[in-house]
């Protein structure tokens, strides 16, 4: 299937098509009537949109500040009560707004996302109140002998294993809640929670199989998982493009690019990283930049170019540490501009021949 870039047309285009006989005047009127019956769902940035986004972020910030002051002062039962009541409150308000025939869909979906964000907090509070959240082990103190080192390593391994299982116990209810919320609202915001829960589960499964790395440190295996998920989300964004009324692709693009940057960045920008990871970073960046042309996505062009330039800057300042390398980049930039000029002249020549 050929992916076509989105195109927009105006009333002037319709008039020109009528004059050229491409469409009839009746077809023009029918098209305008159909557009009037099905207005665009993406209304762009308006004052109400900015207020909804600002209010949603303010709610999250205020709730985080409130918990920061109250969490440590509260006992286990109070923590469960606070999280549960907050979840119910935001879910009820979101549901009430969503029932207003779509008039307040955006604030309803934002508050729905706030409710989902409370699910992992509530799950942690319940596990902690039930005594199922792992406590930090009592590591041996004083001078270490071989037995003390062995006891330390065993205690650390057991704690990190239990902690990985506990994090998975938090991620599963969050994933289920996010999936249920998406089935109800079809909100693209919920996709962020789904992706985050899946990434957390995948990382913890990987850590459980890696006996040398259970501290939630993103090493090679975990970085590749994050990059792989990012690539999958990026591809999903291309696949769902223009397929649905809601603009899901933008969220897939954002999460995919973030996953690729995080996963590959850990590998490519490590001081001891092999050059192969840098080549993979550049190849991925060039691919993202290249697909911006057929898909007509400026986000891809900006992200691809930024990633390429960031890696070049890293080579100049961290690897070669030479002004000559910076001069080489200037020459390379001029060559790229020259290639653009040559390409434009060639394409203009082909177009002129076609017109003649």
Protein backbone atom coordinates (compact mmCIF):
# COMPACT_ATOMS: atom_id res chain seq x y z
CA UNK A 1 0.00 0.00 0.00
CA UNK A 2 1.37 3.39 -1.00
CA UNK A 3 1.35 5.90 1.84
CA UNK A 4 0.20 9.27 0.59
CA UNK A 5 0.94 12.48 2.45
CA UNK A 6 -2.07 14.37 3.81
CA UNK A 7 -3.30 17.11 1.49
CA UNK A 8 -5.52 20.12 2.11
CA UNK A 9 -7.59 22.07 -0.39
CA UNK A 10 -9.53 25.31 -0.34
CA UNK A 11 -12.69 26.67 -1.95
CA UNK A 12 -10.46 28.13 -4.67
CA UNK A 13 -9.26 24.63 -5.53
CA UNK A 14 -12.86 23.44 -5.86
CA UNK A 15 -13.69 26.35 -8.12
CA UNK A 16 -10.68 25.63 -10.33
CA UNK A 17 -11.63 21.96 -10.60
CA UNK A 18 -15.15 22.94 -11.65
CA UNK A 19 -13.77 25.31 -14.31
CA UNK A 20 -11.48 22.60 -15.68
CA UNK A 21 -14.27 20.03 -15.74
CA UNK A 22 -12.61 17.77 -13.18
CA UNK A 23 -15.77 17.86 -11.06
CA UNK A 24 -19.22 19.24 -11.66
CA UNK A 25 -20.83 22.10 -9.76
CA UNK A 26 -23.23 19.59 -8.21
CA UNK A 27 -20.32 17.47 -6.97
CA UNK A 28 -18.72 20.56 -5.47
CA UNK A 29 -21.88 21.40 -3.55
CA UNK A 30 -22.25 17.79 -2.41
CA UNK A 31 -18.64 17.75 -1.16
CA UNK A 32 -19.12 21.00 0.76
CA UNK A 33 -22.34 19.70 2.30
CA UNK A 34 -20.62 16.50 3.40
CA UNK A 35 -17.76 18.45 5.00
CA UNK A 36 -20.30 20.58 6.86
CA UNK A 37 -21.98 17.45 8.22
CA UNK A 38 -18.64 15.94 9.32
CA UNK A 39 -16.45 18.73 10.72
CA UNK A 40 -12.79 18.06 11.41
CA UNK A 41 -12.07 16.65 14.86
CA UNK A 42 -8.69 18.37 15.10
CA UNK A 43 -9.60 21.99 15.75
CA UNK A 44 -6.03 23.09 16.39
CA UNK A 45 -4.83 25.13 19.31
CA UNK A 46 -7.52 27.27 20.88
CA UNK A 47 -7.83 29.02 24.21
CA UNK A 48 -10.00 26.23 25.61
CA UNK A 49 -7.48 23.62 24.43
CA UNK A 50 -4.62 25.43 26.16
CA UNK A 51 -6.70 25.79 29.32
CA UNK A 52 -7.50 22.07 29.34
CA UNK A 53 -3.87 21.07 28.86
CA UNK A 54 -2.69 23.58 31.43
CA UNK A 55 -5.32 22.50 33.93
CA UNK A 56 -4.54 18.83 33.45
CA UNK A 57 -0.82 19.38 34.02
CA UNK A 58 -1.57 21.57 37.02
CA UNK A 59 -3.72 18.80 38.53
CA UNK A 60 -0.89 16.30 38.12
CA UNK A 61 1.64 18.72 39.60
CA UNK A 62 -0.58 19.65 42.53
CA UNK A 63 -1.38 16.02 43.26
CA UNK A 64 2.31 15.11 43.20
CA UNK A 65 3.12 17.98 45.58
CA UNK A 66 0.27 16.97 47.88
CA UNK A 67 1.50 13.40 48.02
CA UNK A 68 5.05 14.56 48.58
CA UNK A 69 3.97 16.33 51.77
CA UNK A 70 1.43 13.81 53.00
CA UNK A 71 2.77 10.41 51.95
CA UNK A 72 5.49 9.95 54.52
CA UNK A 73 3.27 11.42 57.25
CA UNK A 74 0.48 8.92 56.57
CA UNK A 75 0.24 5.30 57.66
CA UNK A 76 -0.39 2.42 55.26
CA UNK A 77 -4.18 2.52 55.58
CA UNK A 78 -4.29 6.28 55.00
CA UNK A 79 -2.15 5.93 51.88
CA UNK A 80 -4.51 3.34 50.44
CA UNK A 81 -7.50 5.55 51.28
CA UNK A 82 -5.93 8.65 49.70
CA UNK A 83 -4.99 6.85 46.49
CA UNK A 84 -8.32 5.00 46.20
CA UNK A 85 -10.44 8.09 46.84
CA UNK A 86 -8.37 10.11 44.36
CA UNK A 87 -8.77 7.42 41.72
CA UNK A 88 -12.53 7.29 42.21
CA UNK A 89 -12.85 11.08 42.16
CA UNK A 90 -10.95 11.63 38.91
CA UNK A 91 -12.60 8.63 37.25
CA UNK A 92 -16.08 9.88 38.16
CA UNK A 93 -15.39 13.42 36.97
CA UNK A 94 -13.88 12.09 33.74
CA UNK A 95 -16.90 9.86 33.17
CA UNK A 96 -19.32 12.71 33.82
CA UNK A 97 -17.55 14.97 31.32
CA UNK A 98 -17.41 12.22 28.71
CA UNK A 99 -21.22 11.87 28.85
CA UNK A 100 -21.76 15.42 27.57
CA UNK A 101 -22.13 14.36 23.91
CA UNK A 102 -18.47 14.94 23.14
CA UNK A 103 -18.46 18.59 24.14
CA UNK A 104 -15.83 18.07 26.84
CA UNK A 105 -13.95 15.11 25.44
CA UNK A 106 -10.48 16.60 25.87
CA UNK A 107 -10.75 17.42 29.60
CA UNK A 108 -12.48 14.07 30.16
CA UNK A 109 -9.57 12.22 28.55
CA UNK A 110 -6.96 14.23 30.41
CA UNK A 111 -8.60 13.46 33.76
CA UNK A 112 -8.90 9.85 32.69
CA UNK A 113 -5.14 9.82 32.22
CA UNK A 114 -4.72 11.30 35.71
CA UNK A 115 -6.87 8.47 37.10
CA UNK A 116 -4.75 5.87 35.32
CA UNK A 117 -1.59 7.47 36.70
CA UNK A 118 -2.94 6.88 40.21
CA UNK A 119 -3.37 3.13 39.60
CA UNK A 120 0.34 2.26 40.15
CA UNK A 121 0.36 4.42 43.28
CA UNK A 122 -2.71 2.64 44.65
CA UNK A 123 -1.23 -0.75 43.79
CA UNK A 124 1.99 0.10 45.58
CA UNK A 125 0.06 1.35 48.62
CA UNK A 126 -1.96 -1.88 48.78
CA UNK A 127 1.14 -4.08 48.44
CA UNK A 128 2.97 -2.04 51.05
CA UNK A 129 0.03 -2.18 53.48
CA UNK A 130 -0.20 -5.95 53.00
CA UNK A 131 3.52 -6.33 53.72
CA UNK A 132 4.23 -7.60 50.21
CA UNK A 133 6.52 -4.79 49.08
CA UNK A 134 10.16 -5.87 49.59
CA UNK A 135 12.06 -4.11 52.35
CA UNK A 136 15.66 -3.05 51.89
CA UNK A 137 17.81 -5.85 53.32
CA UNK A 138 20.07 -5.35 56.29
CA UNK A 139 23.44 -5.44 54.61
CA UNK A 140 26.38 -6.55 56.76
CA UNK A 141 28.50 -3.73 58.15
CA UNK A 142 32.03 -3.39 59.32
CA UNK A 143 35.05 -5.01 57.77
CA UNK A 144 34.14 -7.48 55.05
CA UNK A 145 35.58 -10.95 54.75
CA UNK A 146 34.72 -13.46 52.04
CA UNK A 147 31.66 -14.68 53.94
CA UNK A 148 30.38 -11.15 54.42
CA UNK A 149 30.82 -10.36 50.73
CA UNK A 150 28.93 -13.53 49.82
CA UNK A 151 26.12 -12.63 52.22
CA UNK A 152 25.98 -9.10 50.80
CA UNK A 153 25.74 -10.35 47.21
CA UNK A 154 23.07 -12.89 48.14
CA UNK A 155 20.99 -10.30 49.99
CA UNK A 156 21.30 -7.83 47.14
CA UNK A 157 20.32 -10.43 44.53
CA UNK A 158 17.27 -11.53 46.55
CA UNK A 159 16.17 -7.93 47.09
CA UNK A 160 16.52 -6.96 43.43
CA UNK A 161 14.63 -10.10 42.36
CA UNK A 162 11.78 -9.38 44.76
CA UNK A 163 11.75 -5.74 43.70
CA UNK A 164 11.47 -6.72 40.03
CA UNK A 165 8.47 -8.93 40.83
CA UNK A 166 6.92 -6.10 42.85
CA UNK A 167 7.34 -3.64 40.00
CA UNK A 168 5.71 -6.15 37.67
CA UNK A 169 2.83 -6.45 40.14
CA UNK A 170 2.41 -2.67 39.83
CA UNK A 171 2.72 -2.59 36.05
CA UNK A 172 0.13 -5.32 35.35
CA UNK A 173 -2.86 -3.55 36.98
CA UNK A 174 -1.76 -0.30 35.36
CA UNK A 175 -1.69 -1.99 31.94
CA UNK A 176 -5.09 -3.60 32.48
CA UNK A 177 -6.60 -0.29 33.63
CA UNK A 178 -5.13 1.55 30.66
CA UNK A 179 -6.40 -1.05 28.18
CA UNK A 180 -9.87 -0.94 29.73
CA UNK A 181 -9.83 2.86 29.60
CA UNK A 182 -8.81 2.81 25.94
CA UNK A 183 -11.62 0.39 25.08
CA UNK A 184 -14.02 2.84 26.71
CA UNK A 185 -12.78 6.19 25.41
CA UNK A 186 -10.45 5.40 22.49
CA UNK A 187 -8.30 8.20 23.88
CA UNK A 188 -4.83 8.54 22.35
CA UNK A 189 -3.52 9.83 25.70
CA UNK A 190 -4.07 6.39 27.21
CA UNK A 191 -1.65 4.92 24.68
CA UNK A 192 1.17 6.58 26.62
CA UNK A 193 0.20 4.70 29.79
CA UNK A 194 -0.09 1.43 27.86
CA UNK A 195 3.34 1.85 26.28
CA UNK A 196 4.95 2.78 29.61
CA UNK A 197 3.46 -0.26 31.36
CA UNK A 198 4.58 -2.62 28.58
CA UNK A 199 8.10 -1.15 28.62
CA UNK A 200 8.31 -1.55 32.40
CA UNK A 201 7.20 -5.18 32.20
CA UNK A 202 9.63 -5.96 29.38
CA UNK A 203 12.56 -4.41 31.26
CA UNK A 204 11.78 -6.27 34.48
CA UNK A 205 11.46 -9.59 32.66
CA UNK A 206 14.85 -8.93 31.10
CA UNK A 207 16.36 -8.00 34.46
CA UNK A 208 15.09 -11.20 36.07
CA UNK A 209 16.98 -13.21 33.47
CA UNK A 210 20.15 -11.15 33.99
CA UNK A 211 21.65 -12.16 37.31
CA UNK A 212 24.36 -9.50 37.08
CA UNK A 213 22.02 -6.56 36.51
CA UNK A 214 18.95 -6.34 38.70
CA UNK A 215 19.17 -2.75 39.81
CA UNK A 216 16.97 -1.40 37.01
CA UNK A 217 20.06 -0.21 35.19
CA UNK A 218 19.55 0.02 31.44
CA UNK A 219 22.48 -1.93 30.04
CA UNK A 220 22.82 -3.38 26.54
CA UNK A 221 19.96 -5.85 26.72
CA UNK A 222 17.53 -3.46 28.34
CA UNK A 223 18.55 -0.59 26.04
CA UNK A 224 17.85 -2.77 22.99
CA UNK A 225 14.43 -3.65 24.41
CA UNK A 226 13.58 0.04 24.80
CA UNK A 227 14.87 0.79 21.29
CA UNK A 228 12.94 -2.17 19.88
CA UNK A 229 9.73 -0.99 21.51
CA UNK A 230 10.40 2.48 20.14
CA UNK A 231 10.85 1.12 16.63
CA UNK A 232 7.62 -0.89 16.98
CA UNK A 233 5.69 2.18 18.14
CA UNK A 234 7.15 4.27 15.33
CA UNK A 235 6.10 1.64 12.78
CA UNK A 236 2.65 1.44 14.34
CA UNK A 237 2.32 5.19 13.91
CA UNK A 238 3.04 4.88 10.20
CA UNK A 239 0.54 2.00 9.91
CA UNK A 240 -2.39 3.79 11.62
CA UNK A 241 -1.73 7.04 9.80
CA UNK A 242 -4.96 8.46 8.36
CA UNK A 243 -6.80 5.23 9.17
CA UNK A 244 -8.85 6.53 12.08
CA UNK A 245 -10.76 9.65 13.01
CA UNK A 246 -8.47 10.27 15.98
CA UNK A 247 -4.85 11.22 15.36
CA UNK A 248 -3.23 8.20 17.02
CA UNK A 249 -0.17 8.36 14.79
CA UNK A 250 1.17 11.51 16.47
CA UNK A 251 1.29 9.76 19.85
CA UNK A 252 2.90 6.66 18.35
CA UNK A 253 5.47 8.87 16.63
CA UNK A 254 6.33 10.71 19.83
CA UNK A 255 6.66 7.55 21.94
CA UNK A 256 8.54 5.74 19.18
CA UNK A 257 11.09 8.51 18.71
CA UNK A 258 11.53 8.79 22.48
CA UNK A 259 12.13 5.03 22.79
CA UNK A 260 14.63 5.01 19.94
CA UNK A 261 16.49 8.02 21.35
CA UNK A 262 16.60 6.57 24.86
CA UNK A 263 17.54 3.02 23.91
CA UNK A 264 20.09 3.76 21.20
CA UNK A 265 21.38 6.84 23.05
CA UNK A 266 22.42 4.72 26.03
CA UNK A 267 24.49 2.56 23.67
CA UNK A 268 25.84 5.18 21.26
CA UNK A 269 26.76 7.90 23.75
CA UNK A 270 28.41 5.74 26.37
CA UNK A 271 32.04 6.73 26.76
CA UNK A 272 33.18 3.14 26.20
CA UNK A 273 30.64 2.40 23.46
CA UNK A 274 31.77 0.47 20.40
CA UNK A 275 31.68 2.36 17.12
CA UNK A 276 29.00 -0.01 15.83
CA UNK A 277 26.37 1.52 18.12
CA UNK A 278 27.19 4.94 16.72
CA UNK A 279 26.72 3.61 13.20
CA UNK A 280 23.35 2.18 14.24
CA UNK A 281 22.37 5.55 15.74
CA UNK A 282 23.29 7.36 12.51
CA UNK A 283 21.57 4.76 10.32
CA UNK A 284 18.39 5.02 12.36
CA UNK A 285 18.55 8.83 12.28
CA UNK A 286 19.01 8.84 8.51
CA UNK A 287 16.08 6.43 8.11
CA UNK A 288 13.80 8.65 10.18
CA UNK A 289 14.94 11.67 8.17
CA UNK A 290 14.46 9.87 4.84
CA UNK A 291 10.89 8.72 5.52
CA UNK A 292 9.91 12.31 6.30
CA UNK A 293 9.81 13.00 2.55
CA UNK A 294 7.26 10.39 1.39
CA UNK A 295 5.21 10.81 4.57
CA UNK A 296 5.50 14.61 4.59
CA UNK A 297 6.12 14.63 8.35
CA UNK A 298 8.20 17.61 9.49
CA UNK A 299 8.58 15.98 12.91
CA UNK A 300 10.62 13.18 11.34
CA UNK A 301 12.84 15.59 9.46
CA UNK A 302 13.52 17.64 12.58
CA UNK A 303 14.11 14.58 14.79
CA UNK A 304 16.36 12.88 12.23
CA UNK A 305 18.50 15.94 11.63
CA UNK A 306 18.75 16.71 15.34
CA UNK A 307 19.90 13.16 16.09
CA UNK A 308 22.52 13.28 13.34
CA UNK A 309 23.90 16.63 14.47
CA UNK A 310 23.94 15.59 18.13
CA UNK A 311 26.08 12.58 17.28
CA UNK A 312 28.40 14.66 15.11
CA UNK A 313 28.79 17.09 17.99
CA UNK A 314 29.64 14.20 20.27
CA UNK A 315 32.36 13.08 17.82
CA UNK A 316 33.82 16.58 17.67
CA UNK A 317 33.88 17.33 21.40
CA UNK A 318 34.24 13.89 23.01
CA UNK A 319 36.07 11.70 20.51
CA UNK A 320 38.31 13.77 18.24
CA UNK A 321 38.47 16.89 20.43
CA UNK A 322 39.81 18.91 17.53
CA UNK A 323 38.87 22.08 15.71
CA UNK A 324 39.80 20.29 12.48
CA UNK A 325 36.84 17.95 13.04
CA UNK A 326 34.55 20.96 13.38
CA UNK A 327 36.00 22.36 10.13
CA UNK A 328 35.29 19.02 8.45
CA UNK A 329 31.67 19.32 9.56
CA UNK A 330 31.49 22.79 7.97
CA UNK A 331 32.72 21.33 4.69
CA UNK A 332 30.25 18.47 5.01
CA UNK A 333 27.39 20.93 5.61
CA UNK A 334 28.36 22.92 2.50
CA UNK A 335 28.45 19.70 0.48
CA UNK A 336 24.96 18.83 1.70
CA UNK A 337 23.71 22.28 0.64
CA UNK A 338 25.42 21.86 -2.74
CA UNK A 339 23.75 18.49 -3.18
CA UNK A 340 20.39 20.16 -2.50
CA UNK A 341 21.09 22.86 -5.11
CA UNK A 342 22.08 20.24 -7.71
CA UNK A 343 19.01 18.14 -6.95
CA UNK A 344 16.72 21.16 -7.25
CA UNK A 345 18.21 22.10 -10.62
CA UNK A 346 17.85 18.54 -11.91
CA UNK A 347 14.22 18.27 -10.78
CA UNK A 348 13.39 21.71 -12.23
CA UNK A 349 14.93 20.62 -15.55
CA UNK A 350 12.81 17.47 -15.61
CA UNK A 351 9.66 19.46 -14.81
CA UNK A 352 10.42 22.00 -17.54
CA UNK A 353 10.84 19.22 -20.12
CA UNK A 354 7.57 17.67 -19.05
CA UNK A 355 5.76 20.99 -19.43
CA UNK A 356 7.17 21.53 -22.91
